[in-house]
């Protein structure tokens, strides 16, 4: 099955998020190893985008709410059994 946003095909989850947001995900989340200068530039660009699109944050919240509503199984939680505690074999050994 193929997924398209407008005329663009979303091949990966990252593609889908970028096409849905209209900006690269890395702009908002950053990347590992970015320098202080790169971070400042990224945040400056993000502020400019938010200033130009004041409804973007509300749109993202609505989009996230719609995804959650359409896919309630995203938050299915399966309890995991806790492993039994292992007792130390060195009990009673004087230091």
PDB file of N, CA and C in Angstrom:
ATOM      1  N   UNK A   1       0.845  -1.171   0.000  1.00  0.00           N
ATOM      2  CA  UNK A   1       0.000   0.000   0.000  1.00  0.00           C
ATOM      3  C   UNK A   1       0.897   1.243   0.000  1.00  0.00           C
ATOM      4  N   UNK A   2       0.551   2.203  -0.768  1.00  0.00           N
ATOM      5  CA  UNK A   2       1.305   3.453  -0.854  1.00  0.00           C
ATOM      6  C   UNK A   2       0.550   4.561  -0.140  1.00  0.00           C
ATOM      7  N   UNK A   3       1.306   5.454   0.468  1.00  0.00           N
ATOM      8  CA  UNK A   3       0.717   6.591   1.165  1.00  0.00           C
ATOM      9  C   UNK A   3       1.211   7.867   0.509  1.00  0.00           C
ATOM     10  N   UNK A   4       0.270   8.731   0.169  1.00  0.00           N
ATOM     11  CA  UNK A   4       0.611  10.005  -0.457  1.00  0.00           C
ATOM     12  C   UNK A   4       0.077  11.150   0.387  1.00  0.00           C
ATOM     13  N   UNK A   5       0.877  12.191   0.472  1.00  0.00           N
ATOM     14  CA  UNK A   5       0.456  13.454   1.066  1.00  0.00           C
ATOM     15  C   UNK A   5       0.530  14.444  -0.085  1.00  0.00           C
ATOM     16  N   UNK A   6      -0.618  14.912  -0.530  1.00  0.00           N
ATOM     17  CA  UNK A   6      -0.637  15.725  -1.748  1.00  0.00           C
ATOM     18  C   UNK A   6      -0.152  14.863  -2.896  1.00  0.00           C
ATOM     19  N   UNK A   7       0.860  15.322  -3.596  1.00  0.00           N
ATOM     20  CA  UNK A   7       1.418  14.544  -4.707  1.00  0.00           C
ATOM     21  C   UNK A   7       2.686  13.797  -4.319  1.00  0.00           C
ATOM     22  N   UNK A   8       3.107  13.917  -3.070  1.00  0.00           N
ATOM     23  CA  UNK A   8       4.347  13.298  -2.618  1.00  0.00           C
ATOM     24  C   UNK A   8       4.074  11.958  -1.943  1.00  0.00           C
ATOM     25  N   UNK A   9       4.872  10.962  -2.279  1.00  0.00           N
ATOM     26  CA  UNK A   9       4.736   9.656  -1.648  1.00  0.00           C
ATOM     27  C   UNK A   9       5.556   9.619  -0.364  1.00  0.00           C
ATOM     28  N   UNK A  10       4.938   9.135   0.699  1.00  0.00           N
ATOM     29  CA  UNK A  10       5.632   8.959   1.977  1.00  0.00           C
ATOM     30  C   UNK A  10       6.099   7.512   2.042  1.00  0.00           C
ATOM     31  N   UNK A  11       7.409   7.318   1.961  1.00  0.00           N
ATOM     32  CA  UNK A  11       7.966   5.966   1.956  1.00  0.00           C
ATOM     33  C   UNK A  11       8.254   5.496   3.377  1.00  0.00           C
ATOM     34  N   UNK A  12       8.704   6.401   4.226  1.00  0.00           N
ATOM     35  CA  UNK A  12       9.042   6.034   5.607  1.00  0.00           C
ATOM     36  C   UNK A  12       8.192   6.849   6.579  1.00  0.00           C
ATOM     37  N   UNK A  13       8.266   6.494   7.831  1.00  0.00           N
ATOM     38  CA  UNK A  13       7.571   7.245   8.877  1.00  0.00           C
ATOM     39  C   UNK A  13       8.060   8.683   8.902  1.00  0.00           C
ATOM     40  N   UNK A  14       9.375   8.862   8.713  1.00  0.00           N
ATOM     41  CA  UNK A  14       9.948  10.202   8.703  1.00  0.00           C
ATOM     42  C   UNK A  14       9.409  11.020   7.534  1.00  0.00           C
ATOM     43  N   UNK A  15       9.283  10.369   6.355  1.00  0.00           N
ATOM     44  CA  UNK A  15       8.713  11.060   5.191  1.00  0.00           C
ATOM     45  C   UNK A  15       7.286  11.508   5.482  1.00  0.00           C
ATOM     46  N   UNK A  16       6.507  10.616   6.079  1.00  0.00           N
ATOM     47  CA  UNK A  16       5.118  10.927   6.383  1.00  0.00           C
ATOM     48  C   UNK A  16       5.028  12.114   7.333  1.00  0.00           C
ATOM     49  N   UNK A  17       5.833  12.080   8.391  1.00  0.00           N
ATOM     50  CA  UNK A  17       5.806  13.183   9.362  1.00  0.00           C
ATOM     51  C   UNK A  17       6.239  14.486   8.708  1.00  0.00           C
ATOM     52  N   UNK A  18       7.296  14.429   7.891  1.00  0.00           N
ATOM     53  CA  UNK A  18       7.785  15.649   7.241  1.00  0.00           C
ATOM     54  C   UNK A  18       6.746  16.217   6.283  1.00  0.00           C
ATOM     55  N   UNK A  19       6.108  15.349   5.506  1.00  0.00           N
ATOM     56  CA  UNK A  19       5.095  15.828   4.568  1.00  0.00           C
ATOM     57  C   UNK A  19       3.856  16.346   5.296  1.00  0.00           C
ATOM     58  N   UNK A  20       3.491  15.687   6.388  1.00  0.00           N
ATOM     59  CA  UNK A  20       2.323  16.131   7.151  1.00  0.00           C
ATOM     60  C   UNK A  20       2.589  17.463   7.843  1.00  0.00           C
ATOM     61  N   UNK A  21       3.801  17.623   8.382  1.00  0.00           N
ATOM     62  CA  UNK A  21       4.149  18.854   9.090  1.00  0.00           C
ATOM     63  C   UNK A  21       4.512  19.989   8.142  1.00  0.00           C
ATOM     64  N   UNK A  22       5.063  19.620   7.001  1.00  0.00           N
ATOM     65  CA  UNK A  22       5.548  20.629   6.073  1.00  0.00           C
ATOM     66  C   UNK A  22       6.967  21.066   6.390  1.00  0.00           C
ATOM     67  N   UNK A  23       7.574  20.450   7.381  1.00  0.00           N
ATOM     68  CA  UNK A  23       8.953  20.736   7.762  1.00  0.00           C
ATOM     69  C   UNK A  23       9.624  19.429   8.169  1.00  0.00           C
ATOM     70  N   UNK A  24      10.938  19.369   8.094  1.00  0.00           N
ATOM     71  CA  UNK A  24      11.625  18.162   8.550  1.00  0.00           C
ATOM     72  C   UNK A  24      11.460  17.981  10.062  1.00  0.00           C
ATOM     73  N   UNK A  25      11.283  16.755  10.501  1.00  0.00           N
ATOM     74  CA  UNK A  25      11.119  16.453  11.925  1.00  0.00           C
ATOM     75  C   UNK A  25      12.341  16.925  12.712  1.00  0.00           C
ATOM     76  N   UNK A  26      13.514  16.816  12.102  1.00  0.00           N
ATOM     77  CA  UNK A  26      14.749  17.211  12.785  1.00  0.00           C
ATOM     78  C   UNK A  26      14.743  18.681  13.188  1.00  0.00           C
ATOM     79  N   UNK A  27      13.973  19.499  12.463  1.00  0.00           N
ATOM     80  CA  UNK A  27      13.893  20.922  12.807  1.00  0.00           C
ATOM     81  C   UNK A  27      13.347  21.098  14.217  1.00  0.00           C
ATOM     82  N   UNK A  28      12.402  20.262  14.602  1.00  0.00           N
ATOM     83  CA  UNK A  28      11.748  20.388  15.898  1.00  0.00           C
ATOM     84  C   UNK A  28      12.443  19.566  16.973  1.00  0.00           C
ATOM     85  N   UNK A  29      13.006  18.421  16.585  1.00  0.00           N
ATOM     86  CA  UNK A  29      13.587  17.515  17.580  1.00  0.00           C
ATOM     87  C   UNK A  29      15.096  17.620  17.704  1.00  0.00           C
ATOM     88  N   UNK A  30      15.742  18.171  16.695  1.00  0.00           N
ATOM     89  CA  UNK A  30      17.191  18.240  16.715  1.00  0.00           C
ATOM     90  C   UNK A  30      17.793  16.915  16.264  1.00  0.00           C
ATOM     91  N   UNK A  31      19.111  16.876  16.233  1.00  0.00           N
ATOM     92  CA  UNK A  31      19.824  15.661  15.848  1.00  0.00           C
ATOM     93  C   UNK A  31      20.948  15.415  16.842  1.00  0.00           C
ATOM     94  N   UNK A  32      21.333  14.175  16.975  1.00  0.00           N
ATOM     95  CA  UNK A  32      22.434  13.833  17.862  1.00  0.00           C
ATOM     96  C   UNK A  32      23.709  14.516  17.400  1.00  0.00           C
ATOM     97  N   UNK A  33      24.435  15.057  18.336  1.00  0.00           N
ATOM     98  CA  UNK A  33      25.726  15.642  18.036  1.00  0.00           C
ATOM     99  C   UNK A  33      25.697  17.036  17.443  1.00  0.00           C
ATOM    100  N   UNK A  34      24.530  17.694  17.437  1.00  0.00           N
ATOM    101  CA  UNK A  34      24.519  19.049  16.868  1.00  0.00           C
ATOM    102  C   UNK A  34      25.274  20.003  17.792  1.00  0.00           C
ATOM    103  N   UNK A  35      25.937  20.949  17.184  1.00  0.00           N
ATOM    104  CA  UNK A  35      26.699  21.925  17.955  1.00  0.00           C
ATOM    105  C   UNK A  35      25.761  22.974  18.533  1.00  0.00           C
ATOM    106  N   UNK A  36      26.283  23.772  19.444  1.00  0.00           N
ATOM    107  CA  UNK A  36      25.477  24.862  20.017  1.00  0.00           C
ATOM    108  C   UNK A  36      25.044  25.833  18.921  1.00  0.00           C
ATOM    109  N   UNK A  37      25.927  26.078  17.968  1.00  0.00           N
ATOM    110  CA  UNK A  37      25.610  26.980  16.860  1.00  0.00           C
ATOM    111  C   UNK A  37      24.513  26.391  15.974  1.00  0.00           C
ATOM    112  N   UNK A  38      24.595  25.101  15.685  1.00  0.00           N
ATOM    113  CA  UNK A  38      23.558  24.437  14.870  1.00  0.00           C
ATOM    114  C   UNK A  38      22.222  24.442  15.600  1.00  0.00           C
ATOM    115  N   UNK A  39      22.255  24.193  16.911  1.00  0.00           N
ATOM    116  CA  UNK A  39      21.027  24.197  17.707  1.00  0.00           C
ATOM    117  C   UNK A  39      20.385  25.586  17.695  1.00  0.00           C
ATOM    118  N   UNK A  40      21.194  26.618  17.878  1.00  0.00           N
ATOM    119  CA  UNK A  40      20.671  27.984  17.872  1.00  0.00           C
ATOM    120  C   UNK A  40      20.041  28.313  16.524  1.00  0.00           C
ATOM    121  N   UNK A  41      20.691  27.910  15.429  1.00  0.00           N
ATOM    122  CA  UNK A  41      20.148  28.176  14.094  1.00  0.00           C
ATOM    123  C   UNK A  41      18.845  27.412  13.883  1.00  0.00           C
ATOM    124  N   UNK A  42      18.804  26.145  14.356  1.00  0.00           N
ATOM    125  CA  UNK A  42      17.593  25.328  14.211  1.00  0.00           C
ATOM    126  C   UNK A  42      16.434  25.947  14.983  1.00  0.00           C
ATOM    127  N   UNK A  43      16.692  26.359  16.214  1.00  0.00           N
ATOM    128  CA  UNK A  43      15.633  26.963  17.027  1.00  0.00           C
ATOM    129  C   UNK A  43      15.179  28.302  16.453  1.00  0.00           C
ATOM    130  N   UNK A  44      16.109  29.054  15.888  1.00  0.00           N
ATOM    131  CA  UNK A  44      15.760  30.319  15.247  1.00  0.00           C
ATOM    132  C   UNK A  44      14.838  30.079  14.050  1.00  0.00           C
ATOM    133  N   UNK A  45      15.172  29.067  13.248  1.00  0.00           N
ATOM    134  CA  UNK A  45      14.321  28.729  12.097  1.00  0.00           C
ATOM    135  C   UNK A  45      12.943  28.266  12.571  1.00  0.00           C
ATOM    136  N   UNK A  46      12.895  27.477  13.622  1.00  0.00           N
ATOM    137  CA  UNK A  46      11.610  27.007  14.160  1.00  0.00           C
ATOM    138  C   UNK A  46      10.761  28.181  14.643  1.00  0.00           C
ATOM    139  N   UNK A  47      11.406  29.139  15.318  1.00  0.00           N
ATOM    140  CA  UNK A  47      10.663  30.335  15.775  1.00  0.00           C
ATOM    141  C   UNK A  47      10.099  31.113  14.592  1.00  0.00           C
ATOM    142  N   UNK A  48      10.892  31.235  13.528  1.00  0.00           N
ATOM    143  CA  UNK A  48      10.405  31.931  12.333  1.00  0.00           C
ATOM    144  C   UNK A  48       9.193  31.226  11.735  1.00  0.00           C
ATOM    145  N   UNK A  49       9.249  29.904  11.677  1.00  0.00           N
ATOM    146  CA  UNK A  49       8.126  29.136  11.119  1.00  0.00           C
ATOM    147  C   UNK A  49       6.885  29.319  11.976  1.00  0.00           C
ATOM    148  N   UNK A  50       7.047  29.251  13.294  1.00  0.00           N
ATOM    149  CA  UNK A  50       5.898  29.444  14.182  1.00  0.00           C
ATOM    150  C   UNK A  50       5.343  30.862  14.086  1.00  0.00           C
ATOM    151  N   UNK A  51       6.216  31.845  13.892  1.00  0.00           N
ATOM    152  CA  UNK A  51       5.753  33.227  13.741  1.00  0.00           C
ATOM    153  C   UNK A  51       4.963  33.396  12.447  1.00  0.00           C
ATOM    154  N   UNK A  52       5.406  32.703  11.389  1.00  0.00           N
ATOM    155  CA  UNK A  52       4.710  32.790  10.094  1.00  0.00           C
ATOM    156  C   UNK A  52       3.427  31.964  10.069  1.00  0.00           C
ATOM    157  N   UNK A  53       3.350  30.942  10.921  1.00  0.00           N
ATOM    158  CA  UNK A  53       2.188  30.039  10.953  1.00  0.00           C
ATOM    159  C   UNK A  53       1.713  29.883  12.390  1.00  0.00           C
ATOM    160  N   UNK A  54       1.056  30.892  12.938  1.00  0.00           N
ATOM    161  CA  UNK A  54       0.669  30.831  14.347  1.00  0.00           C
ATOM    162  C   UNK A  54      -0.292  29.692  14.687  1.00  0.00           C
ATOM    163  N   UNK A  55      -0.981  29.141  13.701  1.00  0.00           N
ATOM    164  CA  UNK A  55      -1.919  28.041  13.967  1.00  0.00           C
ATOM    165  C   UNK A  55      -1.256  26.669  13.889  1.00  0.00           C
ATOM    166  N   UNK A  56       0.038  26.620  13.578  1.00  0.00           N
ATOM    167  CA  UNK A  56       0.717  25.345  13.398  1.00  0.00           C
ATOM    168  C   UNK A  56       0.639  24.464  14.642  1.00  0.00           C
ATOM    169  N   UNK A  57       0.896  25.026  15.809  1.00  0.00           N
ATOM    170  CA  UNK A  57       0.858  24.223  17.040  1.00  0.00           C
ATOM    171  C   UNK A  57      -0.529  23.616  17.252  1.00  0.00           C
ATOM    172  N   UNK A  58      -1.576  24.401  17.071  1.00  0.00           N
ATOM    173  CA  UNK A  58      -2.943  23.884  17.221  1.00  0.00           C
ATOM    174  C   UNK A  58      -3.240  22.814  16.178  1.00  0.00           C
ATOM    175  N   UNK A  59      -2.761  23.030  14.960  1.00  0.00           N
ATOM    176  CA  UNK A  59      -2.968  22.034  13.905  1.00  0.00           C
ATOM    177  C   UNK A  59      -2.288  20.716  14.261  1.00  0.00           C
ATOM    178  N   UNK A  60      -1.098  20.788  14.827  1.00  0.00           N
ATOM    179  CA  UNK A  60      -0.374  19.574  15.210  1.00  0.00           C
ATOM    180  C   UNK A  60      -1.087  18.829  16.327  1.00  0.00           C
ATOM    181  N   UNK A  61      -1.627  19.570  17.282  1.00  0.00           N
ATOM    182  CA  UNK A  61      -2.377  18.936  18.370  1.00  0.00           C
ATOM    183  C   UNK A  61      -3.615  18.244  17.812  1.00  0.00           C
ATOM    184  N   UNK A  62      -4.325  18.918  16.888  1.00  0.00           N
ATOM    185  CA  UNK A  62      -5.509  18.298  16.279  1.00  0.00           C
ATOM    186  C   UNK A  62      -5.120  17.045  15.496  1.00  0.00           C
ATOM    187  N   UNK A  63      -3.990  17.116  14.764  1.00  0.00           N
ATOM    188  CA  UNK A  63      -3.535  15.967  13.986  1.00  0.00           C
ATOM    189  C   UNK A  63      -3.195  14.797  14.911  1.00  0.00           C
ATOM    190  N   UNK A  64      -2.483  15.085  15.997  1.00  0.00           N
ATOM    191  CA  UNK A  64      -2.125  14.025  16.944  1.00  0.00           C
ATOM    192  C   UNK A  64      -3.373  13.418  17.576  1.00  0.00           C
ATOM    193  N   UNK A  65      -4.326  14.248  17.936  1.00  0.00           N
ATOM    194  CA  UNK A  65      -5.578  13.747  18.522  1.00  0.00           C
ATOM    195  C   UNK A  65      -6.326  12.860  17.532  1.00  0.00           C
ATOM    196  N   UNK A  66      -6.333  13.247  16.261  1.00  0.00           N
ATOM    197  CA  UNK A  66      -6.999  12.446  15.235  1.00  0.00           C
ATOM    198  C   UNK A  66      -6.303  11.096  15.060  1.00  0.00           C
ATOM    199  N   UNK A  67      -4.987  11.094  15.068  1.00  0.00           N
ATOM    200  CA  UNK A  67      -4.240   9.829  14.937  1.00  0.00           C
ATOM    201  C   UNK A  67      -4.555   8.920  16.113  1.00  0.00           C
ATOM    202  N   UNK A  68      -4.590   9.470  17.312  1.00  0.00           N
ATOM    203  CA  UNK A  68      -4.902   8.674  18.506  1.00  0.00           C
ATOM    204  C   UNK A  68      -6.323   8.141  18.424  1.00  0.00           C
ATOM    205  N   UNK A  69      -7.250   8.971  17.995  1.00  0.00           N
ATOM    206  CA  UNK A  69      -8.648   8.541  17.876  1.00  0.00           C
ATOM    207  C   UNK A  69      -8.800   7.442  16.830  1.00  0.00           C
ATOM    208  N   UNK A  70      -8.085   7.579  15.719  1.00  0.00           N
ATOM    209  CA  UNK A  70      -8.183   6.597  14.642  1.00  0.00           C
ATOM    210  C   UNK A  70      -7.427   5.306  14.936  1.00  0.00           C
ATOM    211  N   UNK A  71      -6.473   5.352  15.864  1.00  0.00           N
ATOM    212  CA  UNK A  71      -5.627   4.193  16.163  1.00  0.00           C
ATOM    213  C   UNK A  71      -5.517   3.980  17.669  1.00  0.00           C
ATOM    214  N   UNK A  72      -6.607   3.613  18.337  1.00  0.00           N
ATOM    215  CA  UNK A  72      -6.556   3.474  19.799  1.00  0.00           C
ATOM    216  C   UNK A  72      -5.575   2.395  20.254  1.00  0.00           C
ATOM    217  N   UNK A  73      -5.258   1.457  19.374  1.00  0.00           N
ATOM    218  CA  UNK A  73      -4.327   0.390  19.742  1.00  0.00           C
ATOM    219  C   UNK A  73      -2.888   0.879  19.882  1.00  0.00           C
ATOM    220  N   UNK A  74      -2.612   2.121  19.494  1.00  0.00           N
ATOM    221  CA  UNK A  74      -1.267   2.666  19.662  1.00  0.00           C
ATOM    222  C   UNK A  74      -0.833   2.658  21.119  1.00  0.00           C
ATOM    223  N   UNK A  75      -1.796   2.752  22.003  1.00  0.00           N
ATOM    224  CA  UNK A  75      -1.481   2.847  23.421  1.00  0.00           C
ATOM    225  C   UNK A  75      -1.866   1.603  24.198  1.00  0.00           C
ATOM    226  N   UNK A  76      -2.022   0.481  23.507  1.00  0.00           N
ATOM    227  CA  UNK A  76      -2.262  -0.775  24.209  1.00  0.00           C
ATOM    228  C   UNK A  76      -1.020  -1.105  25.033  1.00  0.00           C
ATOM    229  N   UNK A  77      -1.244  -1.369  26.276  1.00  0.00           N
ATOM    230  CA  UNK A  77      -0.131  -1.670  27.171  1.00  0.00           C
ATOM    231  C   UNK A  77      -0.217  -3.128  27.568  1.00  0.00           C
ATOM    232  N   UNK A  78       0.897  -3.811  27.442  1.00  0.00           N
ATOM    233  CA  UNK A  78       0.960  -5.215  27.824  1.00  0.00           C
ATOM    234  C   UNK A  78       1.841  -5.309  29.062  1.00  0.00           C
ATOM    235  N   UNK A  79       1.258  -5.739  30.180  1.00  0.00           N
ATOM    236  CA  UNK A  79       2.080  -5.832  31.388  1.00  0.00           C
ATOM    237  C   UNK A  79       3.147  -6.917  31.229  1.00  0.00           C
ATOM    238  N   UNK A  80       4.324  -6.613  31.678  1.00  0.00           N
ATOM    239  CA  UNK A  80       5.423  -7.568  31.623  1.00  0.00           C
ATOM    240  C   UNK A  80       5.708  -8.090  33.017  1.00  0.00           C
ATOM    241  N   UNK A  81       6.020  -9.375  33.105  1.00  0.00           N
ATOM    242  CA  UNK A  81       6.354  -9.961  34.401  1.00  0.00           C
ATOM    243  C   UNK A  81       7.713  -9.453  34.840  1.00  0.00           C
ATOM    244  N   UNK A  82       7.829  -9.150  36.110  1.00  0.00           N
ATOM    245  CA  UNK A  82       9.117  -8.711  36.644  1.00  0.00           C
ATOM    246  C   UNK A  82       9.972  -9.933  36.913  1.00  0.00           C
ATOM    247  N   UNK A  83      11.231  -9.861  36.552  1.00  0.00           N
ATOM    248  CA  UNK A  83      12.100 -11.001  36.855  1.00  0.00           C
ATOM    249  C   UNK A  83      12.310 -11.115  38.359  1.00  0.00           C
ATOM    250  N   UNK A  84      12.451 -12.348  38.830  1.00  0.00           N
ATOM    251  CA  UNK A  84      12.681 -12.568  40.260  1.00  0.00           C
ATOM    252  C   UNK A  84      14.041 -12.000  40.637  1.00  0.00           C
ATOM    253  N   UNK A  85      14.126 -11.470  41.821  1.00  0.00           N
ATOM    254  CA  UNK A  85      15.404 -10.937  42.299  1.00  0.00           C
ATOM    255  C   UNK A  85      16.363 -12.078  42.571  1.00  0.00           C
ATOM    256  N   UNK A  86      17.583 -11.880  42.178  1.00  0.00           N
ATOM    257  CA  UNK A  86      18.609 -12.882  42.454  1.00  0.00           C
ATOM    258  C   UNK A  86      19.269 -12.535  43.770  1.00  0.00           C
ATOM    259  N   UNK A  87      19.424 -13.534  44.580  1.00  0.00           N
ATOM    260  CA  UNK A  87      20.074 -13.314  45.876  1.00  0.00           C
ATOM    261  C   UNK A  87      21.568 -13.537  45.725  1.00  0.00           C
ATOM    262  N   UNK A  88      22.305 -12.735  46.397  1.00  0.00           N
ATOM    263  CA  UNK A  88      23.756 -12.826  46.329  1.00  0.00           C
ATOM    264  C   UNK A  88      24.238 -14.120  46.960  1.00  0.00           C
ATOM    265  N   UNK A  89      25.194 -14.798  46.317  1.00  0.00           N
ATOM    266  CA  UNK A  89      25.755 -16.046  46.837  1.00  0.00           C
ATOM    267  C   UNK A  89      26.806 -15.768  47.902  1.00  0.00           C
ATOM    268  N   UNK A  90      27.150 -14.531  48.118  1.00  0.00           N
ATOM    269  CA  UNK A  90      28.234 -14.167  49.047  1.00  0.00           C
ATOM    270  C   UNK A  90      27.686 -13.732  50.402  1.00  0.00           C
ATOM    271  N   UNK A  91      26.544 -14.203  50.778  1.00  0.00           N
ATOM    272  CA  UNK A  91      25.956 -13.824  52.066  1.00  0.00           C
ATOM    273  C   UNK A  91      26.836 -14.292  53.217  1.00  0.00           C
ATOM    274  N   UNK A  92      26.950 -13.438  54.196  1.00  0.00           N
ATOM    275  CA  UNK A  92      27.647 -13.806  55.417  1.00  0.00           C
ATOM    276  C   UNK A  92      29.165 -13.769  55.300  1.00  0.00           C
ATOM    277  N   UNK A  93      29.701 -13.299  54.226  1.00  0.00           N
ATOM    278  CA  UNK A  93      31.135 -13.231  54.073  1.00  0.00           C
ATOM    279  C   UNK A  93      31.618 -11.944  54.747  1.00  0.00           C
ATOM    280  N   UNK A  94      32.534 -12.083  55.689  1.00  0.00           N
ATOM    281  CA  UNK A  94      33.050 -10.913  56.416  1.00  0.00           C
ATOM    282  C   UNK A  94      34.096 -10.206  55.569  1.00  0.00           C
ATOM    283  N   UNK A  95      34.114  -8.900  55.690  1.00  0.00           N
ATOM    284  CA  UNK A  95      35.075  -8.128  54.905  1.00  0.00           C
ATOM    285  C   UNK A  95      36.365  -7.924  55.616  1.00  0.00           C
TER     286      UNK A  95
END
